[in-house]
Amino acid sequence: MKALQARPARTDATPAPLVWTFDGPFERCLADLEDTLRRAIVLVGGVSGIALAIDLSLPALRGRVEAGDAVQPAWGGFLDALARLALPVPARVRHLRSAGPLLTLVIAYRD
């Protein structure tokens, strides 16, 4: 009689997305978001299986602009940096009308 071998459990579940929030001066948040994104790409093993979304809180942005932060050229530089990453799908930027952290980064990925 052949002995039964244990097989690893099969998991078809999609891994949970990675989520970070950023609040503070606009340019600093963009730099931190870019750094975090680069680190996350290394963590998940490359860009081939990821999709990312960025939520931008318009009330928080208005507060940053009123405090003296400039949107450009930081935003344009950030978009250029995203383009250089060669993501399989362009990042989705969602403009939220609700208060919250200035930026939220959500990375969904496949193993």
PDB file of N, CA and C in Angstrom:
ATOM      1  N   MET A   1       0.844  -1.171   0.000  1.00  0.00           N
ATOM      2  CA  MET A   1       0.000   0.000   0.000  1.00  0.00           C
ATOM      3  C   MET A   1       0.892   1.238   0.000  1.00  0.00           C
ATOM      4  N   LYS A   2       0.558   2.188  -0.833  1.00  0.00           N
ATOM      5  CA  LYS A   2       1.363   3.402  -0.982  1.00  0.00           C
ATOM      6  C   LYS A   2       1.013   4.408   0.116  1.00  0.00           C
ATOM      7  N   ALA A   3       2.047   4.978   0.706  1.00  0.00           N
ATOM      8  CA  ALA A   3       1.836   5.969   1.762  1.00  0.00           C
ATOM      9  C   ALA A   3       1.321   7.267   1.156  1.00  0.00           C
ATOM     10  N   LEU A   4       0.400   7.888   1.839  1.00  0.00           N
ATOM     11  CA  LEU A   4      -0.141   9.174   1.396  1.00  0.00           C
ATOM     12  C   LEU A   4       0.862  10.274   1.696  1.00  0.00           C
ATOM     13  N   GLN A   5       1.062  11.129   0.731  1.00  0.00           N
ATOM     14  CA  GLN A   5       1.963  12.261   0.927  1.00  0.00           C
ATOM     15  C   GLN A   5       1.145  13.525   1.146  1.00  0.00           C
ATOM     16  N   ALA A   6       1.594  14.314   2.066  1.00  0.00           N
ATOM     17  CA  ALA A   6       0.920  15.582   2.311  1.00  0.00           C
ATOM     18  C   ALA A   6       1.225  16.545   1.170  1.00  0.00           C
ATOM     19  N   ARG A   7       0.204  17.182   0.682  1.00  0.00           N
ATOM     20  CA  ARG A   7       0.373  18.193  -0.357  1.00  0.00           C
ATOM     21  C   ARG A   7       0.047  19.547   0.239  1.00  0.00           C
ATOM     22  N   PRO A   8       0.759  20.557  -0.221  1.00  0.00           N
ATOM     23  CA  PRO A   8       0.434  21.882   0.304  1.00  0.00           C
ATOM     24  C   PRO A   8      -1.001  22.257  -0.081  1.00  0.00           C
ATOM     25  N   ALA A   9      -1.639  22.986   0.805  1.00  0.00           N
ATOM     26  CA  ALA A   9      -2.996  23.443   0.533  1.00  0.00           C
ATOM     27  C   ALA A   9      -2.988  24.373  -0.667  1.00  0.00           C
ATOM     28  N   ARG A  10      -3.959  24.226  -1.513  1.00  0.00           N
ATOM     29  CA  ARG A  10      -4.050  25.085  -2.694  1.00  0.00           C
ATOM     30  C   ARG A  10      -4.795  26.352  -2.317  1.00  0.00           C
ATOM     31  N   THR A  11      -4.197  27.461  -2.631  1.00  0.00           N
ATOM     32  CA  THR A  11      -4.841  28.739  -2.336  1.00  0.00           C
ATOM     33  C   THR A  11      -5.006  29.515  -3.634  1.00  0.00           C
ATOM     34  N   ASP A  12      -6.223  29.792  -3.961  1.00  0.00           N
ATOM     35  CA  ASP A  12      -6.518  30.576  -5.152  1.00  0.00           C
ATOM     36  C   ASP A  12      -6.839  32.018  -4.796  1.00  0.00           C
ATOM     37  N   ALA A  13      -6.689  32.337  -3.533  1.00  0.00           N
ATOM     38  CA  ALA A  13      -7.040  33.682  -3.081  1.00  0.00           C
ATOM     39  C   ALA A  13      -6.040  34.702  -3.627  1.00  0.00           C
ATOM     40  N   THR A  14      -6.557  35.816  -4.028  1.00  0.00           N
ATOM     41  CA  THR A  14      -5.716  36.919  -4.477  1.00  0.00           C
ATOM     42  C   THR A  14      -5.088  37.566  -3.247  1.00  0.00           C
ATOM     43  N   PRO A  15      -3.799  37.873  -3.317  1.00  0.00           N
ATOM     44  CA  PRO A  15      -3.179  38.512  -2.159  1.00  0.00           C
ATOM     45  C   PRO A  15      -3.837  39.861  -1.873  1.00  0.00           C
ATOM     46  N   ALA A  16      -3.850  40.206  -0.620  1.00  0.00           N
ATOM     47  CA  ALA A  16      -4.428  41.492  -0.226  1.00  0.00           C
ATOM     48  C   ALA A  16      -3.611  42.625  -0.818  1.00  0.00           C
ATOM     49  N   PRO A  17      -4.267  43.705  -1.195  1.00  0.00           N
ATOM     50  CA  PRO A  17      -3.497  44.839  -1.733  1.00  0.00           C
ATOM     51  C   PRO A  17      -2.649  45.479  -0.637  1.00  0.00           C
ATOM     52  N   LEU A  18      -1.586  46.115  -1.079  1.00  0.00           N
ATOM     53  CA  LEU A  18      -0.731  46.882  -0.186  1.00  0.00           C
ATOM     54  C   LEU A  18      -1.241  48.317  -0.196  1.00  0.00           C
ATOM     55  N   VAL A  19      -1.367  48.923   0.978  1.00  0.00           N
ATOM     56  CA  VAL A  19      -1.943  50.270   1.085  1.00  0.00           C
ATOM     57  C   VAL A  19      -1.082  51.132   1.997  1.00  0.00           C
ATOM     58  N   TRP A  20      -0.766  52.333   1.518  1.00  0.00           N
ATOM     59  CA  TRP A  20      -0.041  53.326   2.309  1.00  0.00           C
ATOM     60  C   TRP A  20      -0.753  54.667   2.165  1.00  0.00           C
ATOM     61  N   THR A  21      -0.684  55.492   3.197  1.00  0.00           N
ATOM     62  CA  THR A  21      -1.218  56.851   3.121  1.00  0.00           C
ATOM     63  C   THR A  21      -0.087  57.836   3.382  1.00  0.00           C
ATOM     64  N   PHE A  22      -0.218  59.015   2.778  1.00  0.00           N
ATOM     65  CA  PHE A  22       0.799  60.053   2.892  1.00  0.00           C
ATOM     66  C   PHE A  22       0.096  61.373   3.176  1.00  0.00           C
ATOM     67  N   ASP A  23       0.606  62.104   4.140  1.00  0.00           N
ATOM     68  CA  ASP A  23       0.026  63.386   4.489  1.00  0.00           C
ATOM     69  C   ASP A  23       1.161  64.323   4.879  1.00  0.00           C
ATOM     70  N   GLY A  24       1.063  65.557   4.464  1.00  0.00           N
ATOM     71  CA  GLY A  24       2.096  66.542   4.749  1.00  0.00           C
ATOM     72  C   GLY A  24       2.329  67.400   3.531  1.00  0.00           C
ATOM     73  N   PRO A  25       3.482  68.032   3.428  1.00  0.00           N
ATOM     74  CA  PRO A  25       3.779  68.862   2.255  1.00  0.00           C
ATOM     75  C   PRO A  25       3.688  68.040   0.971  1.00  0.00           C
ATOM     76  N   PHE A  26       3.085  68.634  -0.060  1.00  0.00           N
ATOM     77  CA  PHE A  26       2.779  67.928  -1.300  1.00  0.00           C
ATOM     78  C   PHE A  26       4.017  67.297  -1.934  1.00  0.00           C
ATOM     79  N   GLU A  27       5.064  68.070  -2.098  1.00  0.00           N
ATOM     80  CA  GLU A  27       6.263  67.560  -2.763  1.00  0.00           C
ATOM     81  C   GLU A  27       6.880  66.407  -1.965  1.00  0.00           C
ATOM     82  N   ARG A  28       6.883  66.525  -0.649  1.00  0.00           N
ATOM     83  CA  ARG A  28       7.430  65.461   0.196  1.00  0.00           C
ATOM     84  C   ARG A  28       6.587  64.189   0.098  1.00  0.00           C
ATOM     85  N   CYS A  29       5.274  64.348   0.058  1.00  0.00           N
ATOM     86  CA  CYS A  29       4.392  63.185  -0.074  1.00  0.00           C
ATOM     87  C   CYS A  29       4.640  62.456  -1.392  1.00  0.00           C
ATOM     88  N   LEU A  30       4.819  63.212  -2.471  1.00  0.00           N
ATOM     89  CA  LEU A  30       5.090  62.585  -3.763  1.00  0.00           C
ATOM     90  C   LEU A  30       6.424  61.835  -3.745  1.00  0.00           C
ATOM     91  N   ALA A  31       7.430  62.425  -3.129  1.00  0.00           N
ATOM     92  CA  ALA A  31       8.737  61.760  -3.035  1.00  0.00           C
ATOM     93  C   ALA A  31       8.627  60.482  -2.203  1.00  0.00           C
ATOM     94  N   ASP A  32       7.903  60.552  -1.090  1.00  0.00           N
ATOM     95  CA  ASP A  32       7.723  59.369  -0.250  1.00  0.00           C
ATOM     96  C   ASP A  32       6.910  58.294  -0.965  1.00  0.00           C
ATOM     97  N   LEU A  33       5.884  58.715  -1.702  1.00  0.00           N
ATOM     98  CA  LEU A  33       5.073  57.766  -2.456  1.00  0.00           C
ATOM     99  C   LEU A  33       5.920  57.054  -3.514  1.00  0.00           C
ATOM    100  N   GLU A  34       6.735  57.808  -4.233  1.00  0.00           N
ATOM    101  CA  GLU A  34       7.593  57.207  -5.257  1.00  0.00           C
ATOM    102  C   GLU A  34       8.583  56.221  -4.626  1.00  0.00           C
ATOM    103  N   ASP A  35       9.187  56.594  -3.514  1.00  0.00           N
ATOM    104  CA  ASP A  35      10.122  55.712  -2.829  1.00  0.00           C
ATOM    105  C   ASP A  35       9.415  54.434  -2.359  1.00  0.00           C
ATOM    106  N   THR A  36       8.242  54.580  -1.774  1.00  0.00           N
ATOM    107  CA  THR A  36       7.473  53.435  -1.302  1.00  0.00           C
ATOM    108  C   THR A  36       7.086  52.529  -2.460  1.00  0.00           C
ATOM    109  N   LEU A  37       6.694  53.119  -3.574  1.00  0.00           N
ATOM    110  CA  LEU A  37       6.334  52.336  -4.747  1.00  0.00           C
ATOM    111  C   LEU A  37       7.522  51.518  -5.245  1.00  0.00           C
ATOM    112  N   ARG A  38       8.674  52.131  -5.315  1.00  0.00           N
ATOM    113  CA  ARG A  38       9.877  51.397  -5.761  1.00  0.00           C
ATOM    114  C   ARG A  38      10.198  50.240  -4.822  1.00  0.00           C
ATOM    115  N   ARG A  39      10.063  50.468  -3.528  1.00  0.00           N
ATOM    116  CA  ARG A  39      10.324  49.403  -2.554  1.00  0.00           C
ATOM    117  C   ARG A  39       9.284  48.281  -2.672  1.00  0.00           C
ATOM    118  N   ALA A  40       8.042  48.650  -2.906  1.00  0.00           N
ATOM    119  CA  ALA A  40       6.981  47.646  -3.054  1.00  0.00           C
ATOM    120  C   ALA A  40       7.192  46.799  -4.304  1.00  0.00           C
ATOM    121  N   ILE A  41       7.673  47.410  -5.369  1.00  0.00           N
ATOM    122  CA  ILE A  41       7.953  46.660  -6.597  1.00  0.00           C
ATOM    123  C   ILE A  41       9.016  45.603  -6.326  1.00  0.00           C
ATOM    124  N   VAL A  42      10.027  45.956  -5.566  1.00  0.00           N
ATOM    125  CA  VAL A  42      11.060  44.980  -5.195  1.00  0.00           C
ATOM    126  C   VAL A  42      10.438  43.890  -4.323  1.00  0.00           C
ATOM    127  N   LEU A  43       9.582  44.273  -3.393  1.00  0.00           N
ATOM    128  CA  LEU A  43       8.939  43.328  -2.485  1.00  0.00           C
ATOM    129  C   LEU A  43       8.107  42.293  -3.236  1.00  0.00           C
ATOM    130  N   VAL A  44       7.337  42.729  -4.239  1.00  0.00           N
ATOM    131  CA  VAL A  44       6.471  41.795  -4.962  1.00  0.00           C
ATOM    132  C   VAL A  44       7.167  41.144  -6.147  1.00  0.00           C
ATOM    133  N   GLY A  45       8.392  41.549  -6.440  1.00  0.00           N
ATOM    134  CA  GLY A  45       9.172  40.863  -7.457  1.00  0.00           C
ATOM    135  C   GLY A  45       9.087  41.431  -8.858  1.00  0.00           C
ATOM    136  N   GLY A  46       8.709  42.683  -9.010  1.00  0.00           N
ATOM    137  CA  GLY A  46       8.698  43.305 -10.331  1.00  0.00           C
ATOM    138  C   GLY A  46       7.357  43.938 -10.652  1.00  0.00           C
ATOM    139  N   VAL A  47       7.317  44.613 -11.782  1.00  0.00           N
ATOM    140  CA  VAL A  47       6.122  45.362 -12.148  1.00  0.00           C
ATOM    141  C   VAL A  47       5.137  44.564 -12.986  1.00  0.00           C
ATOM    142  N   SER A  48       5.518  43.376 -13.442  1.00  0.00           N
ATOM    143  CA  SER A  48       4.688  42.665 -14.411  1.00  0.00           C
ATOM    144  C   SER A  48       3.303  42.318 -13.895  1.00  0.00           C
ATOM    145  N   GLY A  49       3.149  42.088 -12.618  1.00  0.00           N
ATOM    146  CA  GLY A  49       1.854  41.670 -12.108  1.00  0.00           C
ATOM    147  C   GLY A  49       1.177  42.664 -11.196  1.00  0.00           C
ATOM    148  N   ILE A  50       1.507  43.947 -11.319  1.00  0.00           N
ATOM    149  CA  ILE A  50       0.897  44.905 -10.398  1.00  0.00           C
ATOM    150  C   ILE A  50       0.017  45.915 -11.123  1.00  0.00           C
ATOM    151  N   ALA A  51      -0.922  46.414 -10.379  1.00  0.00           N
ATOM    152  CA  ALA A  51      -1.749  47.544 -10.806  1.00  0.00           C
ATOM    153  C   ALA A  51      -1.786  48.480  -9.612  1.00  0.00           C
ATOM    154  N   LEU A  52      -1.718  49.767  -9.877  1.00  0.00           N
ATOM    155  CA  LEU A  52      -1.744  50.680  -8.749  1.00  0.00           C
ATOM    156  C   LEU A  52      -2.749  51.793  -8.950  1.00  0.00           C
ATOM    157  N   ALA A  53      -3.266  52.205  -7.816  1.00  0.00           N
ATOM    158  CA  ALA A  53      -4.209  53.306  -7.764  1.00  0.00           C
ATOM    159  C   ALA A  53      -3.686  54.324  -6.761  1.00  0.00           C
ATOM    160  N   ILE A  54      -3.885  55.572  -7.089  1.00  0.00           N
ATOM    161  CA  ILE A  54      -3.496  56.661  -6.201  1.00  0.00           C
ATOM    162  C   ILE A  54      -4.736  57.508  -5.965  1.00  0.00           C
ATOM    163  N   ASP A  55      -5.116  57.641  -4.711  1.00  0.00           N
ATOM    164  CA  ASP A  55      -6.233  58.514  -4.350  1.00  0.00           C
ATOM    165  C   ASP A  55      -5.652  59.844  -3.894  1.00  0.00           C
ATOM    166  N   LEU A  56      -6.156  60.919  -4.466  1.00  0.00           N
ATOM    167  CA  LEU A  56      -5.724  62.276  -4.119  1.00  0.00           C
ATOM    168  C   LEU A  56      -6.912  62.999  -3.517  1.00  0.00           C
ATOM    169  N   SER A  57      -6.799  63.375  -2.257  1.00  0.00           N
ATOM    170  CA  SER A  57      -7.874  64.088  -1.567  1.00  0.00           C
ATOM    171  C   SER A  57      -7.831  65.558  -1.965  1.00  0.00           C
ATOM    172  N   LEU A  58      -8.858  66.014  -2.670  1.00  0.00           N
ATOM    173  CA  LEU A  58      -8.900  67.409  -3.111  1.00  0.00           C
ATOM    174  C   LEU A  58      -8.980  68.396  -1.939  1.00  0.00           C
ATOM    175  N   PRO A  59      -9.774  68.111  -0.872  1.00  0.00           N
ATOM    176  CA  PRO A  59      -9.757  69.037   0.269  1.00  0.00           C
ATOM    177  C   PRO A  59      -8.371  69.127   0.925  1.00  0.00           C
ATOM    178  N   ALA A  60      -7.667  68.010   1.030  1.00  0.00           N
ATOM    179  CA  ALA A  60      -6.321  68.035   1.611  1.00  0.00           C
ATOM    180  C   ALA A  60      -5.363  68.800   0.697  1.00  0.00           C
ATOM    181  N   LEU A  61      -5.508  68.610  -0.617  1.00  0.00           N
ATOM    182  CA  LEU A  61      -4.666  69.340  -1.561  1.00  0.00           C
ATOM    183  C   LEU A  61      -4.931  70.841  -1.485  1.00  0.00           C
ATOM    184  N   ARG A  62      -6.195  71.194  -1.383  1.00  0.00           N
ATOM    185  CA  ARG A  62      -6.532  72.621  -1.256  1.00  0.00           C
ATOM    186  C   ARG A  62      -5.866  73.209  -0.013  1.00  0.00           C
ATOM    187  N   GLY A  63      -5.890  72.469   1.094  1.00  0.00           N
ATOM    188  CA  GLY A  63      -5.232  72.926   2.315  1.00  0.00           C
ATOM    189  C   GLY A  63      -3.731  73.101   2.130  1.00  0.00           C
ATOM    190  N   ARG A  64      -3.101  72.187   1.385  1.00  0.00           N
ATOM    191  CA  ARG A  64      -1.659  72.284   1.132  1.00  0.00           C
ATOM    192  C   ARG A  64      -1.350  73.494   0.249  1.00  0.00           C
ATOM    193  N   VAL A  65      -2.184  73.739  -0.762  1.00  0.00           N
ATOM    194  CA  VAL A  65      -1.963  74.898  -1.642  1.00  0.00           C
ATOM    195  C   VAL A  65      -2.152  76.189  -0.852  1.00  0.00           C
ATOM    196  N   GLU A  66      -3.171  76.229   0.002  1.00  0.00           N
ATOM    197  CA  GLU A  66      -3.402  77.409   0.837  1.00  0.00           C
ATOM    198  C   GLU A  66      -2.236  77.638   1.807  1.00  0.00           C
ATOM    199  N   ALA A  67      -1.554  76.550   2.171  1.00  0.00           N
ATOM    200  CA  ALA A  67      -0.392  76.661   3.064  1.00  0.00           C
ATOM    201  C   ALA A  67       0.875  77.046   2.300  1.00  0.00           C
ATOM    202  N   GLY A  68       0.775  77.154   0.965  1.00  0.00           N
ATOM    203  CA  GLY A  68       1.918  77.604   0.183  1.00  0.00           C
ATOM    204  C   GLY A  68       2.585  76.550  -0.681  1.00  0.00           C
ATOM    205  N   ASP A  69       2.098  75.316  -0.637  1.00  0.00           N
ATOM    206  CA  ASP A  69       2.686  74.270  -1.485  1.00  0.00           C
ATOM    207  C   ASP A  69       2.308  74.515  -2.948  1.00  0.00           C
ATOM    208  N   ALA A  70       3.235  74.235  -3.843  1.00  0.00           N
ATOM    209  CA  ALA A  70       2.976  74.322  -5.279  1.00  0.00           C
ATOM    210  C   ALA A  70       2.740  72.913  -5.813  1.00  0.00           C
ATOM    211  N   VAL A  71       1.802  72.785  -6.744  1.00  0.00           N
ATOM    212  CA  VAL A  71       1.517  71.485  -7.344  1.00  0.00           C
ATOM    213  C   VAL A  71       2.554  71.174  -8.418  1.00  0.00           C
ATOM    214  N   GLN A  72       2.894  72.152  -9.207  1.00  0.00           N
ATOM    215  CA  GLN A  72       3.896  71.958 -10.263  1.00  0.00           C
ATOM    216  C   GLN A  72       5.193  72.626  -9.839  1.00  0.00           C
ATOM    217  N   PRO A  73       6.315  72.116 -10.158  1.00  0.00           N
ATOM    218  CA  PRO A  73       6.598  71.036 -11.103  1.00  0.00           C
ATOM    219  C   PRO A  73       6.619  69.652 -10.466  1.00  0.00           C
ATOM    220  N   ALA A  74       6.296  69.542  -9.153  1.00  0.00           N
ATOM    221  CA  ALA A  74       6.401  68.253  -8.464  1.00  0.00           C
ATOM    222  C   ALA A  74       5.500  67.185  -9.093  1.00  0.00           C
ATOM    223  N   TRP A  75       4.260  67.558  -9.426  1.00  0.00           N
ATOM    224  CA  TRP A  75       3.328  66.572  -9.988  1.00  0.00           C
ATOM    225  C   TRP A  75       3.812  66.072 -11.340  1.00  0.00           C
ATOM    226  N   GLY A  76       4.276  66.963 -12.190  1.00  0.00           N
ATOM    227  CA  GLY A  76       4.796  66.562 -13.500  1.00  0.00           C
ATOM    228  C   GLY A  76       6.003  65.649 -13.372  1.00  0.00           C
ATOM    229  N   GLY A  77       6.897  65.963 -12.446  1.00  0.00           N
ATOM    230  CA  GLY A  77       8.063  65.115 -12.207  1.00  0.00           C
ATOM    231  C   GLY A  77       7.667  63.741 -11.690  1.00  0.00           C
ATOM    232  N   PHE A  78       6.652  63.708 -10.840  1.00  0.00           N
ATOM    233  CA  PHE A  78       6.162  62.435 -10.319  1.00  0.00           C
ATOM    234  C   PHE A  78       5.576  61.574 -11.443  1.00  0.00           C
ATOM    235  N   LEU A  79       4.787  62.187 -12.310  1.00  0.00           N
ATOM    236  CA  LEU A  79       4.213  61.431 -13.435  1.00  0.00           C
ATOM    237  C   LEU A  79       5.299  60.919 -14.369  1.00  0.00           C
ATOM    238  N   ASP A  80       6.345  61.705 -14.573  1.00  0.00           N
ATOM    239  CA  ASP A  80       7.485  61.248 -15.385  1.00  0.00           C
ATOM    240  C   ASP A  80       8.165  60.039 -14.729  1.00  0.00           C
ATOM    241  N   ALA A  81       8.325  60.085 -13.416  1.00  0.00           N
ATOM    242  CA  ALA A  81       8.945  58.963 -12.705  1.00  0.00           C
ATOM    243  C   ALA A  81       8.094  57.705 -12.828  1.00  0.00           C
ATOM    244  N   LEU A  82       6.767  57.858 -12.753  1.00  0.00           N
ATOM    245  CA  LEU A  82       5.881  56.705 -12.932  1.00  0.00           C
ATOM    246  C   LEU A  82       6.029  56.115 -14.331  1.00  0.00           C
ATOM    247  N   ALA A  83       6.138  56.978 -15.321  1.00  0.00           N
ATOM    248  CA  ALA A  83       6.276  56.507 -16.705  1.00  0.00           C
ATOM    249  C   ALA A  83       7.560  55.705 -16.879  1.00  0.00           C
ATOM    250  N   ARG A  84       8.622  56.105 -16.201  1.00  0.00           N
ATOM    251  CA  ARG A  84       9.902  55.395 -16.317  1.00  0.00           C
ATOM    252  C   ARG A  84       9.859  54.001 -15.684  1.00  0.00           C
ATOM    253  N   LEU A  85       8.894  53.742 -14.815  1.00  0.00           N
ATOM    254  CA  LEU A  85       8.794  52.429 -14.175  1.00  0.00           C
ATOM    255  C   LEU A  85       8.259  51.363 -15.128  1.00  0.00           C
ATOM    256  N   ALA A  86       7.694  51.771 -16.254  1.00  0.00           N
ATOM    257  CA  ALA A  86       7.160  50.837 -17.261  1.00  0.00           C
ATOM    258  C   ALA A  86       6.122  49.891 -16.666  1.00  0.00           C
ATOM    259  N   LEU A  87       5.162  50.459 -15.963  1.00  0.00           N
ATOM    260  CA  LEU A  87       4.083  49.655 -15.399  1.00  0.00           C
ATOM    261  C   LEU A  87       3.260  49.037 -16.527  1.00  0.00           C
ATOM    262  N   PRO A  88       2.753  47.818 -16.333  1.00  0.00           N
ATOM    263  CA  PRO A  88       1.972  47.175 -17.390  1.00  0.00           C
ATOM    264  C   PRO A  88       0.654  47.905 -17.679  1.00  0.00           C
ATOM    265  N   VAL A  89       0.115  48.553 -16.670  1.00  0.00           N
ATOM    266  CA  VAL A  89      -1.115  49.337 -16.788  1.00  0.00           C
ATOM    267  C   VAL A  89      -0.834  50.685 -16.140  1.00  0.00           C
ATOM    268  N   PRO A  90      -1.190  51.780 -16.802  1.00  0.00           N
ATOM    269  CA  PRO A  90      -0.924  53.095 -16.183  1.00  0.00           C
ATOM    270  C   PRO A  90      -1.597  53.219 -14.813  1.00  0.00           C
ATOM    271  N   ALA A  91      -0.959  53.961 -13.937  1.00  0.00           N
ATOM    272  CA  ALA A  91      -1.529  54.195 -12.610  1.00  0.00           C
ATOM    273  C   ALA A  91      -2.850  54.927 -12.748  1.00  0.00           C
ATOM    274  N   ARG A  92      -3.787  54.561 -11.929  1.00  0.00           N
ATOM    275  CA  ARG A  92      -5.091  55.232 -11.899  1.00  0.00           C
ATOM    276  C   ARG A  92      -5.067  56.246 -10.771  1.00  0.00           C
ATOM    277  N   VAL A  93      -5.295  57.496 -11.111  1.00  0.00           N
ATOM    278  CA  VAL A  93      -5.343  58.552 -10.098  1.00  0.00           C
ATOM    279  C   VAL A  93      -6.806  58.956  -9.929  1.00  0.00           C
ATOM    280  N   ARG A  94      -7.296  58.785  -8.722  1.00  0.00           N
ATOM    281  CA  ARG A  94      -8.689  59.103  -8.422  1.00  0.00           C
ATOM    282  C   ARG A  94      -8.717  60.340  -7.537  1.00  0.00           C
ATOM    283  N   HIS A  95      -9.472  61.335  -7.940  1.00  0.00           N
ATOM    284  CA  HIS A  95      -9.586  62.590  -7.199  1.00  0.00           C
ATOM    285  C   HIS A  95     -10.786  62.494  -6.269  1.00  0.00           C
ATOM    286  N   LEU A  96     -10.522  62.494  -4.978  1.00  0.00           N
ATOM    287  CA  LEU A  96     -11.581  62.341  -3.986  1.00  0.00           C
ATOM    288  C   LEU A  96     -12.041  63.693  -3.471  1.00  0.00           C
ATOM    289  N   ARG A  97     -13.326  63.842  -3.327  1.00  0.00           N
ATOM    290  CA  ARG A  97     -13.893  65.080  -2.778  1.00  0.00           C
ATOM    291  C   ARG A  97     -14.015  65.007  -1.264  1.00  0.00           C
ATOM    292  N   SER A  98     -13.650  63.874  -0.700  1.00  0.00           N
ATOM    293  CA  SER A  98     -13.753  63.697   0.750  1.00  0.00           C
ATOM    294  C   SER A  98     -12.417  64.029   1.419  1.00  0.00           C
ATOM    295  N   ALA A  99     -12.536  64.452   2.666  1.00  0.00           N
ATOM    296  CA  ALA A  99     -11.331  64.746   3.446  1.00  0.00           C
ATOM    297  C   ALA A  99     -10.643  63.438   3.804  1.00  0.00           C
ATOM    298  N   GLY A 100      -9.376  63.510   3.988  1.00  0.00           N
ATOM    299  CA  GLY A 100      -8.595  62.324   4.337  1.00  0.00           C
ATOM    300  C   GLY A 100      -7.137  62.626   4.141  1.00  0.00           C
ATOM    301  N   PRO A 101      -6.301  61.599   4.123  1.00  0.00           N
ATOM    302  CA  PRO A 101      -4.892  61.836   3.862  1.00  0.00           C
ATOM    303  C   PRO A 101      -4.717  62.405   2.461  1.00  0.00           C
ATOM    304  N   LEU A 102      -3.672  63.185   2.263  1.00  0.00           N
ATOM    305  CA  LEU A 102      -3.430  63.817   0.969  1.00  0.00           C
ATOM    306  C   LEU A 102      -3.366  62.780  -0.146  1.00  0.00           C
ATOM    307  N   LEU A 103      -2.562  61.740   0.031  1.00  0.00           N
ATOM    308  CA  LEU A 103      -2.397  60.698  -0.984  1.00  0.00           C
ATOM    309  C   LEU A 103      -2.526  59.328  -0.351  1.00  0.00           C
ATOM    310  N   THR A 104      -3.160  58.422  -1.076  1.00  0.00           N
ATOM    311  CA  THR A 104      -3.239  57.017  -0.672  1.00  0.00           C
ATOM    312  C   THR A 104      -2.760  56.202  -1.853  1.00  0.00           C
ATOM    313  N   LEU A 105      -1.816  55.313  -1.617  1.00  0.00           N
ATOM    314  CA  LEU A 105      -1.276  54.427  -2.650  1.00  0.00           C
ATOM    315  C   LEU A 105      -1.801  53.030  -2.390  1.00  0.00           C
ATOM    316  N   VAL A 106      -2.406  52.431  -3.408  1.00  0.00           N
ATOM    317  CA  VAL A 106      -2.919  51.057  -3.309  1.00  0.00           C
ATOM    318  C   VAL A 106      -2.267  50.253  -4.431  1.00  0.00           C
ATOM    319  N   ILE A 107      -1.597  49.168  -4.052  1.00  0.00           N
ATOM    320  CA  ILE A 107      -0.954  48.296  -5.031  1.00  0.00           C
ATOM    321  C   ILE A 107      -1.615  46.927  -4.956  1.00  0.00           C
ATOM    322  N   ALA A 108      -2.212  46.520  -6.067  1.00  0.00           N
ATOM    323  CA  ALA A 108      -2.744  45.166  -6.189  1.00  0.00           C
ATOM    324  C   ALA A 108      -1.747  44.379  -7.010  1.00  0.00           C
ATOM    325  N   TYR A 109      -1.538  43.122  -6.660  1.00  0.00           N
ATOM    326  CA  TYR A 109      -0.529  42.340  -7.362  1.00  0.00           C
ATOM    327  C   TYR A 109      -0.930  40.868  -7.419  1.00  0.00           C
ATOM    328  N   ARG A 110      -0.320  40.190  -8.371  1.00  0.00           N
ATOM    329  CA  ARG A 110      -0.476  38.741  -8.517  1.00  0.00           C
ATOM    330  C   ARG A 110       0.823  38.090  -8.092  1.00  0.00           C
ATOM    331  N   ASP A 111       0.688  36.961  -7.438  1.00  0.00           N
ATOM    332  CA  ASP A 111       1.883  36.173  -7.096  1.00  0.00           C
ATOM    333  C   ASP A 111       2.376  35.444  -8.308  1.00  0.00           C
TER     334      ASP A 111
END
